[in-house]
Structure formats: structure tokens, C-alpha cells
Amino acid sequence: MEKYVRWYDKDSNLKAVFEFIQGLDLPVQNEVAKDILQILIKDLNLDLDKKINEISKNYNYECKRWYDNNVDLFSSFELIKSLPDELRNEVVKKIIESALLMYFGGEKKEHE
């Protein structure tokens, strides 16, 4: 039986996306984090105000994980963590699309 160390290790696509983000330069990580929040709020029409407030109250100031020192990454990852599998898969696809556009310098299109 495979042991999962991190919550996102259970989903190979999510794990690959998070590892890709981890390898990016900090300014690019910041852009990706903001883009993830945009995807969650605008593309999926999720009302996340209450959840974001809860996350802000519970922000881990010890910064043990690689993304804890970036409040936008921390918030977006915690929001993704709380999503049902179907929505999480949709978000992962949108993150991949967005990250590829950013990473390879393509013009980023506005989210519909």
C-alpha cells in the first residue's frame, strides 16, 4: 500500500501541477497563485468569501510547507483542498492551461 505524505499526493495530476508550481521562480509562483484564485472565483463562480476568511484566520505562520510562506498560494491550495473531486479536477485542468500560457510566454486570454 502506497503511503501519502501530502494531501495532494493522492491525485497524480494535482501533485504534478503543485510540483511544477514549486519549481517556478517566486514572482511566477505569485502570478500563478493569483491566477488560481481568479479561476476559483470567476471561472467556477464559487462564492469563496466565507472560506477565504476562515483560511485567513487559520493561516499557518510557522511556514512548514513550501507554499506556506506565500499567502496567495496557501489560500488557493487550501481552497483547492476543500473542493469536491470533480471541481478539483476542473481546476487542475484550468491551472495547467493557465500555467502553460504564462510559462511559455503566450498571451494570456481573459477567463470567460
PDB file of N, CA and C in Angstrom:
ATOM      1  N   MET A   1       0.849  -1.192   0.000  1.00  0.00           N
ATOM      2  CA  MET A   1       0.000   0.000   0.000  1.00  0.00           C
ATOM      3  C   MET A   1       0.888   1.247   0.000  1.00  0.00           C
ATOM      4  N   GLU A   2       0.557   2.179  -0.880  1.00  0.00           N
ATOM      5  CA  GLU A   2       1.335   3.405  -1.010  1.00  0.00           C
ATOM      6  C   GLU A   2       0.938   4.387   0.082  1.00  0.00           C
ATOM      7  N   LYS A   3       1.941   4.969   0.734  1.00  0.00           N
ATOM      8  CA  LYS A   3       1.683   5.942   1.791  1.00  0.00           C
ATOM      9  C   LYS A   3       1.754   7.351   1.202  1.00  0.00           C
ATOM     10  N   TYR A   4       0.735   8.166   1.471  1.00  0.00           N
ATOM     11  CA  TYR A   4       0.704   9.549   1.000  1.00  0.00           C
ATOM     12  C   TYR A   4       1.240  10.447   2.096  1.00  0.00           C
ATOM     13  N   VAL A   5       2.185  11.276   1.722  1.00  0.00           N
ATOM     14  CA  VAL A   5       2.790  12.187   2.676  1.00  0.00           C
ATOM     15  C   VAL A   5       2.019  13.508   2.711  1.00  0.00           C
ATOM     16  N   ARG A   6       1.614  13.968   1.547  1.00  0.00           N
ATOM     17  CA  ARG A   6       0.917  15.248   1.447  1.00  0.00           C
ATOM     18  C   ARG A   6      -0.485  15.002   0.917  1.00  0.00           C
ATOM     19  N   TRP A   7      -1.398  15.897   1.249  1.00  0.00           N
ATOM     20  CA  TRP A   7      -2.795  15.714   0.858  1.00  0.00           C
ATOM     21  C   TRP A   7      -2.958  15.631  -0.652  1.00  0.00           C
ATOM     22  N   TYR A   8      -2.125  16.334  -1.403  1.00  0.00           N
ATOM     23  CA  TYR A   8      -2.278  16.361  -2.859  1.00  0.00           C
ATOM     24  C   TYR A   8      -1.571  15.203  -3.556  1.00  0.00           C
ATOM     25  N   ASP A   9      -0.854  14.362  -2.821  1.00  0.00           N
ATOM     26  CA  ASP A   9      -0.200  13.199  -3.424  1.00  0.00           C
ATOM     27  C   ASP A   9      -1.208  12.151  -3.897  1.00  0.00           C
ATOM     28  N   LYS A  10      -2.424  12.215  -3.399  1.00  0.00           N
ATOM     29  CA  LYS A  10      -3.453  11.238  -3.766  1.00  0.00           C
ATOM     30  C   LYS A  10      -3.907  11.394  -5.217  1.00  0.00           C
ATOM     31  N   ASP A  11      -3.709  12.566  -5.788  1.00  0.00           N
ATOM     32  CA  ASP A  11      -4.125  12.864  -7.155  1.00  0.00           C
ATOM     33  C   ASP A  11      -2.871  13.165  -7.975  1.00  0.00           C
ATOM     34  N   SER A  12      -2.533  12.278  -8.900  1.00  0.00           N
ATOM     35  CA  SER A  12      -1.278  12.426  -9.640  1.00  0.00           C
ATOM     36  C   SER A  12      -1.226  13.718 -10.461  1.00  0.00           C
ATOM     37  N   ASN A  13      -2.358  14.152 -11.017  1.00  0.00           N
ATOM     38  CA  ASN A  13      -2.374  15.407 -11.782  1.00  0.00           C
ATOM     39  C   ASN A  13      -2.156  16.609 -10.879  1.00  0.00           C
ATOM     40  N   LEU A  14      -2.831  16.614  -9.749  1.00  0.00           N
ATOM     41  CA  LEU A  14      -2.678  17.711  -8.799  1.00  0.00           C
ATOM     42  C   LEU A  14      -1.246  17.747  -8.261  1.00  0.00           C
ATOM     43  N   LYS A  15      -0.716  16.591  -7.951  1.00  0.00           N
ATOM     44  CA  LYS A  15       0.665  16.502  -7.465  1.00  0.00           C
ATOM     45  C   LYS A  15       1.629  17.076  -8.500  1.00  0.00           C
ATOM     46  N   ALA A  16       1.455  16.704  -9.772  1.00  0.00           N
ATOM     47  CA  ALA A  16       2.333  17.201 -10.833  1.00  0.00           C
ATOM     48  C   ALA A  16       2.224  18.722 -10.983  1.00  0.00           C
ATOM     49  N   VAL A  17       1.009  19.252 -10.895  1.00  0.00           N
ATOM     50  CA  VAL A  17       0.806  20.700 -11.000  1.00  0.00           C
ATOM     51  C   VAL A  17       1.483  21.419  -9.834  1.00  0.00           C
ATOM     52  N   PHE A  18       1.287  20.920  -8.626  1.00  0.00           N
ATOM     53  CA  PHE A  18       1.889  21.564  -7.452  1.00  0.00           C
ATOM     54  C   PHE A  18       3.420  21.491  -7.514  1.00  0.00           C
ATOM     55  N   GLU A  19       3.954  20.366  -7.968  1.00  0.00           N
ATOM     56  CA  GLU A  19       5.411  20.252  -8.089  1.00  0.00           C
ATOM     57  C   GLU A  19       5.942  21.191  -9.174  1.00  0.00           C
ATOM     58  N   PHE A  20       5.183  21.347 -10.252  1.00  0.00           N
ATOM     59  CA  PHE A  20       5.562  22.300 -11.297  1.00  0.00           C
ATOM     60  C   PHE A  20       5.600  23.718 -10.713  1.00  0.00           C
ATOM     61  N   ILE A  21       4.555  24.085  -9.972  1.00  0.00           N
ATOM     62  CA  ILE A  21       4.485  25.417  -9.360  1.00  0.00           C
ATOM     63  C   ILE A  21       5.643  25.611  -8.385  1.00  0.00           C
ATOM     64  N   GLN A  22       5.949  24.582  -7.618  1.00  0.00           N
ATOM     65  CA  GLN A  22       7.046  24.670  -6.649  1.00  0.00           C
ATOM     66  C   GLN A  22       8.372  24.988  -7.331  1.00  0.00           C
ATOM     67  N   GLY A  23       8.572  24.495  -8.546  1.00  0.00           N
ATOM     68  CA  GLY A  23       9.816  24.712  -9.266  1.00  0.00           C
ATOM     69  C   GLY A  23       9.930  26.058  -9.961  1.00  0.00           C
ATOM     70  N   LEU A  24       8.856  26.828  -9.956  1.00  0.00           N
ATOM     71  CA  LEU A  24       8.873  28.137 -10.606  1.00  0.00           C
ATOM     72  C   LEU A  24       9.562  29.173  -9.735  1.00  0.00           C
ATOM     73  N   ASP A  25      10.047  30.228 -10.370  1.00  0.00           N
ATOM     74  CA  ASP A  25      10.593  31.357  -9.621  1.00  0.00           C
ATOM     75  C   ASP A  25       9.486  31.985  -8.784  1.00  0.00           C
ATOM     76  N   LEU A  26       9.857  32.604  -7.666  1.00  0.00           N
ATOM     77  CA  LEU A  26       8.859  33.179  -6.763  1.00  0.00           C
ATOM     78  C   LEU A  26       7.916  34.177  -7.423  1.00  0.00           C
ATOM     79  N   PRO A  27       8.409  35.095  -8.275  1.00  0.00           N
ATOM     80  CA  PRO A  27       7.462  36.014  -8.919  1.00  0.00           C
ATOM     81  C   PRO A  27       6.431  35.275  -9.787  1.00  0.00           C
ATOM     82  N   VAL A  28       6.856  34.212 -10.447  1.00  0.00           N
ATOM     83  CA  VAL A  28       5.933  33.447 -11.278  1.00  0.00           C
ATOM     84  C   VAL A  28       4.965  32.669 -10.393  1.00  0.00           C
ATOM     85  N   GLN A  29       5.451  32.134  -9.275  1.00  0.00           N
ATOM     86  CA  GLN A  29       4.562  31.471  -8.316  1.00  0.00           C
ATOM     87  C   GLN A  29       3.469  32.428  -7.849  1.00  0.00           C
ATOM     88  N   ASN A  30       3.848  33.670  -7.602  1.00  0.00           N
ATOM     89  CA  ASN A  30       2.868  34.679  -7.177  1.00  0.00           C
ATOM     90  C   ASN A  30       1.801  34.893  -8.240  1.00  0.00           C
ATOM     91  N   GLU A  31       2.220  34.978  -9.494  1.00  0.00           N
ATOM     92  CA  GLU A  31       1.263  35.157 -10.586  1.00  0.00           C
ATOM     93  C   GLU A  31       0.334  33.948 -10.715  1.00  0.00           C
ATOM     94  N   VAL A  32       0.908  32.760 -10.601  1.00  0.00           N
ATOM     95  CA  VAL A  32       0.101  31.540 -10.684  1.00  0.00           C
ATOM     96  C   VAL A  32      -0.904  31.495  -9.536  1.00  0.00           C
ATOM     97  N   ALA A  33      -0.468  31.860  -8.340  1.00  0.00           N
ATOM     98  CA  ALA A  33      -1.364  31.850  -7.176  1.00  0.00           C
ATOM     99  C   ALA A  33      -2.544  32.787  -7.396  1.00  0.00           C
ATOM    100  N   LYS A  34      -2.277  33.977  -7.896  1.00  0.00           N
ATOM    101  CA  LYS A  34      -3.357  34.932  -8.160  1.00  0.00           C
ATOM    102  C   LYS A  34      -4.282  34.411  -9.254  1.00  0.00           C
ATOM    103  N   ASP A  35      -3.694  33.752 -10.232  1.00  0.00           N
ATOM    104  CA  ASP A  35      -4.490  33.193 -11.317  1.00  0.00           C
ATOM    105  C   ASP A  35      -5.390  32.067 -10.806  1.00  0.00           C
ATOM    106  N   ILE A  36      -4.877  31.250  -9.908  1.00  0.00           N
ATOM    107  CA  ILE A  36      -5.689  30.174  -9.328  1.00  0.00           C
ATOM    108  C   ILE A  36      -6.884  30.769  -8.595  1.00  0.00           C
ATOM    109  N   LEU A  37      -6.653  31.815  -7.832  1.00  0.00           N
ATOM    110  CA  LEU A  37      -7.766  32.461  -7.124  1.00  0.00           C
ATOM    111  C   LEU A  37      -8.785  32.999  -8.114  1.00  0.00           C
ATOM    112  N   GLN A  38      -8.320  33.570  -9.217  1.00  0.00           N
ATOM    113  CA  GLN A  38      -9.235  34.061 -10.256  1.00  0.00           C
ATOM    114  C   GLN A  38     -10.049  32.907 -10.853  1.00  0.00           C
ATOM    115  N   ILE A  39      -9.385  31.795 -11.116  1.00  0.00           N
ATOM    116  CA  ILE A  39     -10.068  30.622 -11.666  1.00  0.00           C
ATOM    117  C   ILE A  39     -11.167  30.171 -10.706  1.00  0.00           C
ATOM    118  N   LEU A  40     -10.834  30.087  -9.438  1.00  0.00           N
ATOM    119  CA  LEU A  40     -11.795  29.606  -8.445  1.00  0.00           C
ATOM    120  C   LEU A  40     -12.997  30.532  -8.324  1.00  0.00           C
ATOM    121  N   ILE A  41     -12.747  31.823  -8.367  1.00  0.00           N
ATOM    122  CA  ILE A  41     -13.823  32.788  -8.139  1.00  0.00           C
ATOM    123  C   ILE A  41     -14.594  33.098  -9.425  1.00  0.00           C
ATOM    124  N   LYS A  42     -13.882  33.397 -10.502  1.00  0.00           N
ATOM    125  CA  LYS A  42     -14.559  33.837 -11.723  1.00  0.00           C
ATOM    126  C   LYS A  42     -14.985  32.690 -12.628  1.00  0.00           C
ATOM    127  N   ASP A  43     -14.067  31.785 -12.933  1.00  0.00           N
ATOM    128  CA  ASP A  43     -14.379  30.711 -13.882  1.00  0.00           C
ATOM    129  C   ASP A  43     -15.395  29.731 -13.324  1.00  0.00           C
ATOM    130  N   LEU A  44     -15.277  29.427 -12.048  1.00  0.00           N
ATOM    131  CA  LEU A  44     -16.168  28.432 -11.456  1.00  0.00           C
ATOM    132  C   LEU A  44     -17.331  29.058 -10.703  1.00  0.00           C
ATOM    133  N   ASN A  45     -17.354  30.376 -10.668  1.00  0.00           N
ATOM    134  CA  ASN A  45     -18.426  31.104  -9.981  1.00  0.00           C
ATOM    135  C   ASN A  45     -18.644  30.622  -8.556  1.00  0.00           C
ATOM    136  N   LEU A  46     -17.552  30.353  -7.866  1.00  0.00           N
ATOM    137  CA  LEU A  46     -17.663  29.909  -6.481  1.00  0.00           C
ATOM    138  C   LEU A  46     -17.707  31.120  -5.556  1.00  0.00           C
ATOM    139  N   ASP A  47     -18.552  31.058  -4.565  1.00  0.00           N
ATOM    140  CA  ASP A  47     -18.610  32.099  -3.550  1.00  0.00           C
ATOM    141  C   ASP A  47     -17.695  31.667  -2.415  1.00  0.00           C
ATOM    142  N   LEU A  48     -16.509  32.220  -2.416  1.00  0.00           N
ATOM    143  CA  LEU A  48     -15.490  31.741  -1.500  1.00  0.00           C
ATOM    144  C   LEU A  48     -15.183  32.709  -0.365  1.00  0.00           C
ATOM    145  N   ASP A  49     -15.960  33.766  -0.235  1.00  0.00           N
ATOM    146  CA  ASP A  49     -15.664  34.770   0.786  1.00  0.00           C
ATOM    147  C   ASP A  49     -15.545  34.163   2.182  1.00  0.00           C
ATOM    148  N   LYS A  50     -16.518  33.358   2.559  1.00  0.00           N
ATOM    149  CA  LYS A  50     -16.515  32.758   3.889  1.00  0.00           C
ATOM    150  C   LYS A  50     -15.305  31.843   4.065  1.00  0.00           C
ATOM    151  N   LYS A  51     -15.039  31.034   3.057  1.00  0.00           N
ATOM    152  CA  LYS A  51     -13.910  30.101   3.122  1.00  0.00           C
ATOM    153  C   LYS A  51     -12.583  30.851   3.179  1.00  0.00           C
ATOM    154  N   ILE A  52     -12.446  31.922   2.390  1.00  0.00           N
ATOM    155  CA  ILE A  52     -11.211  32.714   2.403  1.00  0.00           C
ATOM    156  C   ILE A  52     -11.005  33.349   3.774  1.00  0.00           C
ATOM    157  N   ASN A  53     -12.082  33.834   4.375  1.00  0.00           N
ATOM    158  CA  ASN A  53     -11.970  34.404   5.719  1.00  0.00           C
ATOM    159  C   ASN A  53     -11.525  33.362   6.733  1.00  0.00           C
ATOM    160  N   GLU A  54     -12.059  32.144   6.624  1.00  0.00           N
ATOM    161  CA  GLU A  54     -11.651  31.063   7.524  1.00  0.00           C
ATOM    162  C   GLU A  54     -10.175  30.722   7.324  1.00  0.00           C
ATOM    163  N   ILE A  55      -9.760  30.660   6.072  1.00  0.00           N
ATOM    164  CA  ILE A  55      -8.365  30.347   5.769  1.00  0.00           C
ATOM    165  C   ILE A  55      -7.452  31.433   6.323  1.00  0.00           C
ATOM    166  N   SER A  56      -7.838  32.692   6.159  1.00  0.00           N
ATOM    167  CA  SER A  56      -7.035  33.803   6.665  1.00  0.00           C
ATOM    168  C   SER A  56      -6.865  33.719   8.181  1.00  0.00           C
ATOM    169  N   LYS A  57      -7.934  33.359   8.863  1.00  0.00           N
ATOM    170  CA  LYS A  57      -7.859  33.226  10.321  1.00  0.00           C
ATOM    171  C   LYS A  57      -6.938  32.087  10.739  1.00  0.00           C
ATOM    172  N   ASN A  58      -6.894  31.042   9.923  1.00  0.00           N
ATOM    173  CA  ASN A  58      -6.119  29.849  10.261  1.00  0.00           C
ATOM    174  C   ASN A  58      -4.768  29.794   9.555  1.00  0.00           C
ATOM    175  N   TYR A  59      -4.326  30.928   9.002  1.00  0.00           N
ATOM    176  CA  TYR A  59      -3.060  30.940   8.279  1.00  0.00           C
ATOM    177  C   TYR A  59      -1.937  30.458   9.181  1.00  0.00           C
ATOM    178  N   ASN A  60      -1.138  29.524   8.656  1.00  0.00           N
ATOM    179  CA  ASN A  60      -0.054  28.899   9.408  1.00  0.00           C
ATOM    180  C   ASN A  60       1.192  29.781   9.330  1.00  0.00           C
ATOM    181  N   TYR A  61       1.482  30.499  10.396  1.00  0.00           N
ATOM    182  CA  TYR A  61       2.627  31.401  10.391  1.00  0.00           C
ATOM    183  C   TYR A  61       3.944  30.680  10.628  1.00  0.00           C
ATOM    184  N   GLU A  62       3.896  29.379  10.908  1.00  0.00           N
ATOM    185  CA  GLU A  62       5.125  28.615  11.092  1.00  0.00           C
ATOM    186  C   GLU A  62       5.790  28.288   9.761  1.00  0.00           C
ATOM    187  N   CYS A  63       5.031  28.295   8.696  1.00  0.00           N
ATOM    188  CA  CYS A  63       5.553  28.103   7.343  1.00  0.00           C
ATOM    189  C   CYS A  63       6.393  26.833   7.205  1.00  0.00           C
ATOM    190  N   LYS A  64       5.798  25.705   7.507  1.00  0.00           N
ATOM    191  CA  LYS A  64       6.500  24.424   7.402  1.00  0.00           C
ATOM    192  C   LYS A  64       6.503  23.881   5.978  1.00  0.00           C
ATOM    193  N   ARG A  65       5.436  24.130   5.221  1.00  0.00           N
ATOM    194  CA  ARG A  65       5.353  23.630   3.854  1.00  0.00           C
ATOM    195  C   ARG A  65       5.907  24.664   2.890  1.00  0.00           C
ATOM    196  N   TRP A  66       6.316  24.215   1.707  1.00  0.00           N
ATOM    197  CA  TRP A  66       6.958  25.117   0.751  1.00  0.00           C
ATOM    198  C   TRP A  66       6.061  26.261   0.336  1.00  0.00           C
ATOM    199  N   TYR A  67       4.745  26.081   0.375  1.00  0.00           N
ATOM    200  CA  TYR A  67       3.837  27.137  -0.081  1.00  0.00           C
ATOM    201  C   TYR A  67       3.264  27.978   1.060  1.00  0.00           C
ATOM    202  N   ASP A  68       3.603  27.664   2.287  1.00  0.00           N
ATOM    203  CA  ASP A  68       3.057  28.403   3.428  1.00  0.00           C
ATOM    204  C   ASP A  68       3.556  29.839   3.513  1.00  0.00           C
ATOM    205  N   ASN A  69       4.715  30.124   2.937  1.00  0.00           N
ATOM    206  CA  ASN A  69       5.262  31.479   3.044  1.00  0.00           C
ATOM    207  C   ASN A  69       4.667  32.444   2.015  1.00  0.00           C
ATOM    208  N   ASN A  70       3.753  31.951   1.199  1.00  0.00           N
ATOM    209  CA  ASN A  70       3.067  32.792   0.217  1.00  0.00           C
ATOM    210  C   ASN A  70       1.569  32.697   0.501  1.00  0.00           C
ATOM    211  N   VAL A  71       1.007  33.750   1.048  1.00  0.00           N
ATOM    212  CA  VAL A  71      -0.389  33.707   1.490  1.00  0.00           C
ATOM    213  C   VAL A  71      -1.348  33.416   0.335  1.00  0.00           C
ATOM    214  N   ASP A  72      -1.032  33.883  -0.873  1.00  0.00           N
ATOM    215  CA  ASP A  72      -1.900  33.602  -2.021  1.00  0.00           C
ATOM    216  C   ASP A  72      -1.846  32.123  -2.411  1.00  0.00           C
ATOM    217  N   LEU A  73      -0.641  31.542  -2.429  1.00  0.00           N
ATOM    218  CA  LEU A  73      -0.526  30.110  -2.717  1.00  0.00           C
ATOM    219  C   LEU A  73      -1.205  29.300  -1.620  1.00  0.00           C
ATOM    220  N   PHE A  74      -0.913  29.659  -0.379  1.00  0.00           N
ATOM    221  CA  PHE A  74      -1.520  28.951   0.753  1.00  0.00           C
ATOM    222  C   PHE A  74      -3.044  28.972   0.632  1.00  0.00           C
ATOM    223  N   SER A  75      -3.598  30.151   0.382  1.00  0.00           N
ATOM    224  CA  SER A  75      -5.057  30.290   0.289  1.00  0.00           C
ATOM    225  C   SER A  75      -5.620  29.495  -0.876  1.00  0.00           C
ATOM    226  N   SER A  76      -4.988  29.622  -2.044  1.00  0.00           N
ATOM    227  CA  SER A  76      -5.516  28.920  -3.217  1.00  0.00           C
ATOM    228  C   SER A  76      -5.403  27.406  -3.048  1.00  0.00           C
ATOM    229  N   PHE A  77      -4.309  26.923  -2.472  1.00  0.00           N
ATOM    230  CA  PHE A  77      -4.154  25.481  -2.262  1.00  0.00           C
ATOM    231  C   PHE A  77      -5.152  24.966  -1.234  1.00  0.00           C
ATOM    232  N   GLU A  78      -5.403  25.736  -0.184  1.00  0.00           N
ATOM    233  CA  GLU A  78      -6.386  25.317   0.818  1.00  0.00           C
ATOM    234  C   GLU A  78      -7.795  25.292   0.222  1.00  0.00           C
ATOM    235  N   LEU A  79      -8.076  26.239  -0.648  1.00  0.00           N
ATOM    236  CA  LEU A  79      -9.376  26.232  -1.321  1.00  0.00           C
ATOM    237  C   LEU A  79      -9.514  25.014  -2.226  1.00  0.00           C
ATOM    238  N   ILE A  80      -8.470  24.709  -2.962  1.00  0.00           N
ATOM    239  CA  ILE A  80      -8.487  23.528  -3.823  1.00  0.00           C
ATOM    240  C   ILE A  80      -8.677  22.268  -2.983  1.00  0.00           C
ATOM    241  N   LYS A  81      -8.014  22.230  -1.870  1.00  0.00           N
ATOM    242  CA  LYS A  81      -8.107  21.076  -0.960  1.00  0.00           C
ATOM    243  C   LYS A  81      -9.541  20.821  -0.517  1.00  0.00           C
ATOM    244  N   SER A  82     -10.310  21.883  -0.360  1.00  0.00           N
ATOM    245  CA  SER A  82     -11.677  21.752   0.157  1.00  0.00           C
ATOM    246  C   SER A  82     -12.710  21.426  -0.926  1.00  0.00           C
ATOM    247  N   LEU A  83     -12.301  21.420  -2.193  1.00  0.00           N
ATOM    248  CA  LEU A  83     -13.244  21.184  -3.287  1.00  0.00           C
ATOM    249  C   LEU A  83     -13.570  19.694  -3.442  1.00  0.00           C
ATOM    250  N   PRO A  84     -14.774  19.405  -3.925  1.00  0.00           N
ATOM    251  CA  PRO A  84     -15.084  18.021  -4.299  1.00  0.00           C
ATOM    252  C   PRO A  84     -14.194  17.599  -5.468  1.00  0.00           C
ATOM    253  N   ASP A  85     -13.979  16.301  -5.615  1.00  0.00           N
ATOM    254  CA  ASP A  85     -13.056  15.780  -6.635  1.00  0.00           C
ATOM    255  C   ASP A  85     -13.349  16.307  -8.035  1.00  0.00           C
ATOM    256  N   GLU A  86     -14.613  16.334  -8.425  1.00  0.00           N
ATOM    257  CA  GLU A  86     -14.967  16.769  -9.780  1.00  0.00           C
ATOM    258  C   GLU A  86     -14.545  18.221 -10.033  1.00  0.00           C
ATOM    259  N   LEU A  87     -14.834  19.088  -9.090  1.00  0.00           N
ATOM    260  CA  LEU A  87     -14.442  20.501  -9.232  1.00  0.00           C
ATOM    261  C   LEU A  87     -12.928  20.645  -9.180  1.00  0.00           C
ATOM    262  N   ARG A  88     -12.284  19.887  -8.297  1.00  0.00           N
ATOM    263  CA  ARG A  88     -10.827  19.949  -8.175  1.00  0.00           C
ATOM    264  C   ARG A  88     -10.178  19.554  -9.507  1.00  0.00           C
ATOM    265  N   ASN A  89     -10.706  18.539 -10.169  1.00  0.00           N
ATOM    266  CA  ASN A  89     -10.171  18.125 -11.468  1.00  0.00           C
ATOM    267  C   ASN A  89     -10.327  19.223 -12.509  1.00  0.00           C
ATOM    268  N   GLU A  90     -11.456  19.913 -12.473  1.00  0.00           N
ATOM    269  CA  GLU A  90     -11.689  21.024 -13.403  1.00  0.00           C
ATOM    270  C   GLU A  90     -10.691  22.154 -13.146  1.00  0.00           C
ATOM    271  N   VAL A  91     -10.447  22.441 -11.875  1.00  0.00           N
ATOM    272  CA  VAL A  91      -9.496  23.489 -11.508  1.00  0.00           C
ATOM    273  C   VAL A  91      -8.090  23.108 -11.973  1.00  0.00           C
ATOM    274  N   VAL A  92      -7.704  21.865 -11.781  1.00  0.00           N
ATOM    275  CA  VAL A  92      -6.378  21.404 -12.198  1.00  0.00           C
ATOM    276  C   VAL A  92      -6.189  21.624 -13.697  1.00  0.00           C
ATOM    277  N   LYS A  93      -7.189  21.289 -14.491  1.00  0.00           N
ATOM    278  CA  LYS A  93      -7.097  21.498 -15.939  1.00  0.00           C
ATOM    279  C   LYS A  93      -6.906  22.970 -16.263  1.00  0.00           C
ATOM    280  N   LYS A  94      -7.643  23.836 -15.585  1.00  0.00           N
ATOM    281  CA  LYS A  94      -7.537  25.273 -15.843  1.00  0.00           C
ATOM    282  C   LYS A  94      -6.183  25.825 -15.383  1.00  0.00           C
ATOM    283  N   ILE A  95      -5.652  25.298 -14.288  1.00  0.00           N
ATOM    284  CA  ILE A  95      -4.339  25.728 -13.810  1.00  0.00           C
ATOM    285  C   ILE A  95      -3.270  25.338 -14.826  1.00  0.00           C
ATOM    286  N   ILE A  96      -3.358  24.124 -15.336  1.00  0.00           N
ATOM    287  CA  ILE A  96      -2.386  23.667 -16.329  1.00  0.00           C
ATOM    288  C   ILE A  96      -2.420  24.574 -17.558  1.00  0.00           C
ATOM    289  N   GLU A  97      -3.615  24.851 -18.037  1.00  0.00           N
ATOM    290  CA  GLU A  97      -3.762  25.728 -19.206  1.00  0.00           C
ATOM    291  C   GLU A  97      -3.162  27.103 -18.935  1.00  0.00           C
ATOM    292  N   SER A  98      -3.495  27.666 -17.804  1.00  0.00           N
ATOM    293  CA  SER A  98      -3.018  29.000 -17.458  1.00  0.00           C
ATOM    294  C   SER A  98      -1.503  29.027 -17.257  1.00  0.00           C
ATOM    295  N   ALA A  99      -0.998  28.023 -16.531  1.00  0.00           N
ATOM    296  CA  ALA A  99       0.440  27.977 -16.257  1.00  0.00           C
ATOM    297  C   ALA A  99       1.240  27.800 -17.543  1.00  0.00           C
ATOM    298  N   LEU A 100       0.748  26.978 -18.443  1.00  0.00           N
ATOM    299  CA  LEU A 100       1.443  26.793 -19.717  1.00  0.00           C
ATOM    300  C   LEU A 100       1.467  28.086 -20.520  1.00  0.00           C
ATOM    301  N   LEU A 101       0.359  28.788 -20.521  1.00  0.00           N
ATOM    302  CA  LEU A 101       0.321  30.069 -21.236  1.00  0.00           C
ATOM    303  C   LEU A 101       1.312  31.059 -20.633  1.00  0.00           C
ATOM    304  N   MET A 102       1.354  31.120 -19.303  1.00  0.00           N
ATOM    305  CA  MET A 102       2.293  32.026 -18.636  1.00  0.00           C
ATOM    306  C   MET A 102       3.734  31.593 -18.864  1.00  0.00           C
ATOM    307  N   TYR A 103       3.981  30.308 -18.666  1.00  0.00           N
ATOM    308  CA  TYR A 103       5.339  29.779 -18.703  1.00  0.00           C
ATOM    309  C   TYR A 103       5.961  29.902 -20.094  1.00  0.00           C
ATOM    310  N   PHE A 104       5.174  29.665 -21.123  1.00  0.00           N
ATOM    311  CA  PHE A 104       5.726  29.698 -22.459  1.00  0.00           C
ATOM    312  C   PHE A 104       5.518  31.050 -23.140  1.00  0.00           C
ATOM    313  N   GLY A 105       5.064  32.036 -22.369  1.00  0.00           N
ATOM    314  CA  GLY A 105       5.013  33.396 -22.865  1.00  0.00           C
ATOM    315  C   GLY A 105       3.878  33.700 -23.829  1.00  0.00           C
ATOM    316  N   GLY A 106       2.927  32.817 -23.921  1.00  0.00           N
ATOM    317  CA  GLY A 106       1.783  33.099 -24.781  1.00  0.00           C
ATOM    318  C   GLY A 106       0.946  34.197 -24.164  1.00  0.00           C
ATOM    319  N   GLU A 107       0.180  34.848 -24.987  1.00  0.00           N
ATOM    320  CA  GLU A 107      -0.707  35.871 -24.442  1.00  0.00           C
ATOM    321  C   GLU A 107      -1.804  35.204 -23.675  1.00  0.00           C
ATOM    322  N   LYS A 108      -1.968  35.626 -22.459  1.00  0.00           N
ATOM    323  CA  LYS A 108      -2.979  35.040 -21.600  1.00  0.00           C
ATOM    324  C   LYS A 108      -4.331  35.604 -21.978  1.00  0.00           C
ATOM    325  N   LYS A 109      -5.255  34.713 -22.223  1.00  0.00           N
ATOM    326  CA  LYS A 109      -6.599  35.180 -22.562  1.00  0.00           C
ATOM    327  C   LYS A 109      -7.405  35.394 -21.282  1.00  0.00           C
ATOM    328  N   GLU A 110      -8.321  36.296 -21.363  1.00  0.00           N
ATOM    329  CA  GLU A 110      -9.193  36.559 -20.223  1.00  0.00           C
ATOM    330  C   GLU A 110     -10.047  35.344 -19.942  1.00  0.00           C
ATOM    331  N   HIS A 111     -10.249  35.070 -18.673  1.00  0.00           N
ATOM    332  CA  HIS A 111     -11.138  33.956 -18.304  1.00  0.00           C
ATOM    333  C   HIS A 111     -12.561  34.337 -18.660  1.00  0.00           C
ATOM    334  N   GLU A 112     -13.267  33.400 -19.219  1.00  0.00           N
ATOM    335  CA  GLU A 112     -14.641  33.672 -19.642  1.00  0.00           C
ATOM    336  C   GLU A 112     -15.557  33.723 -18.464  1.00  0.00           C
TER     337      GLU A 112
END
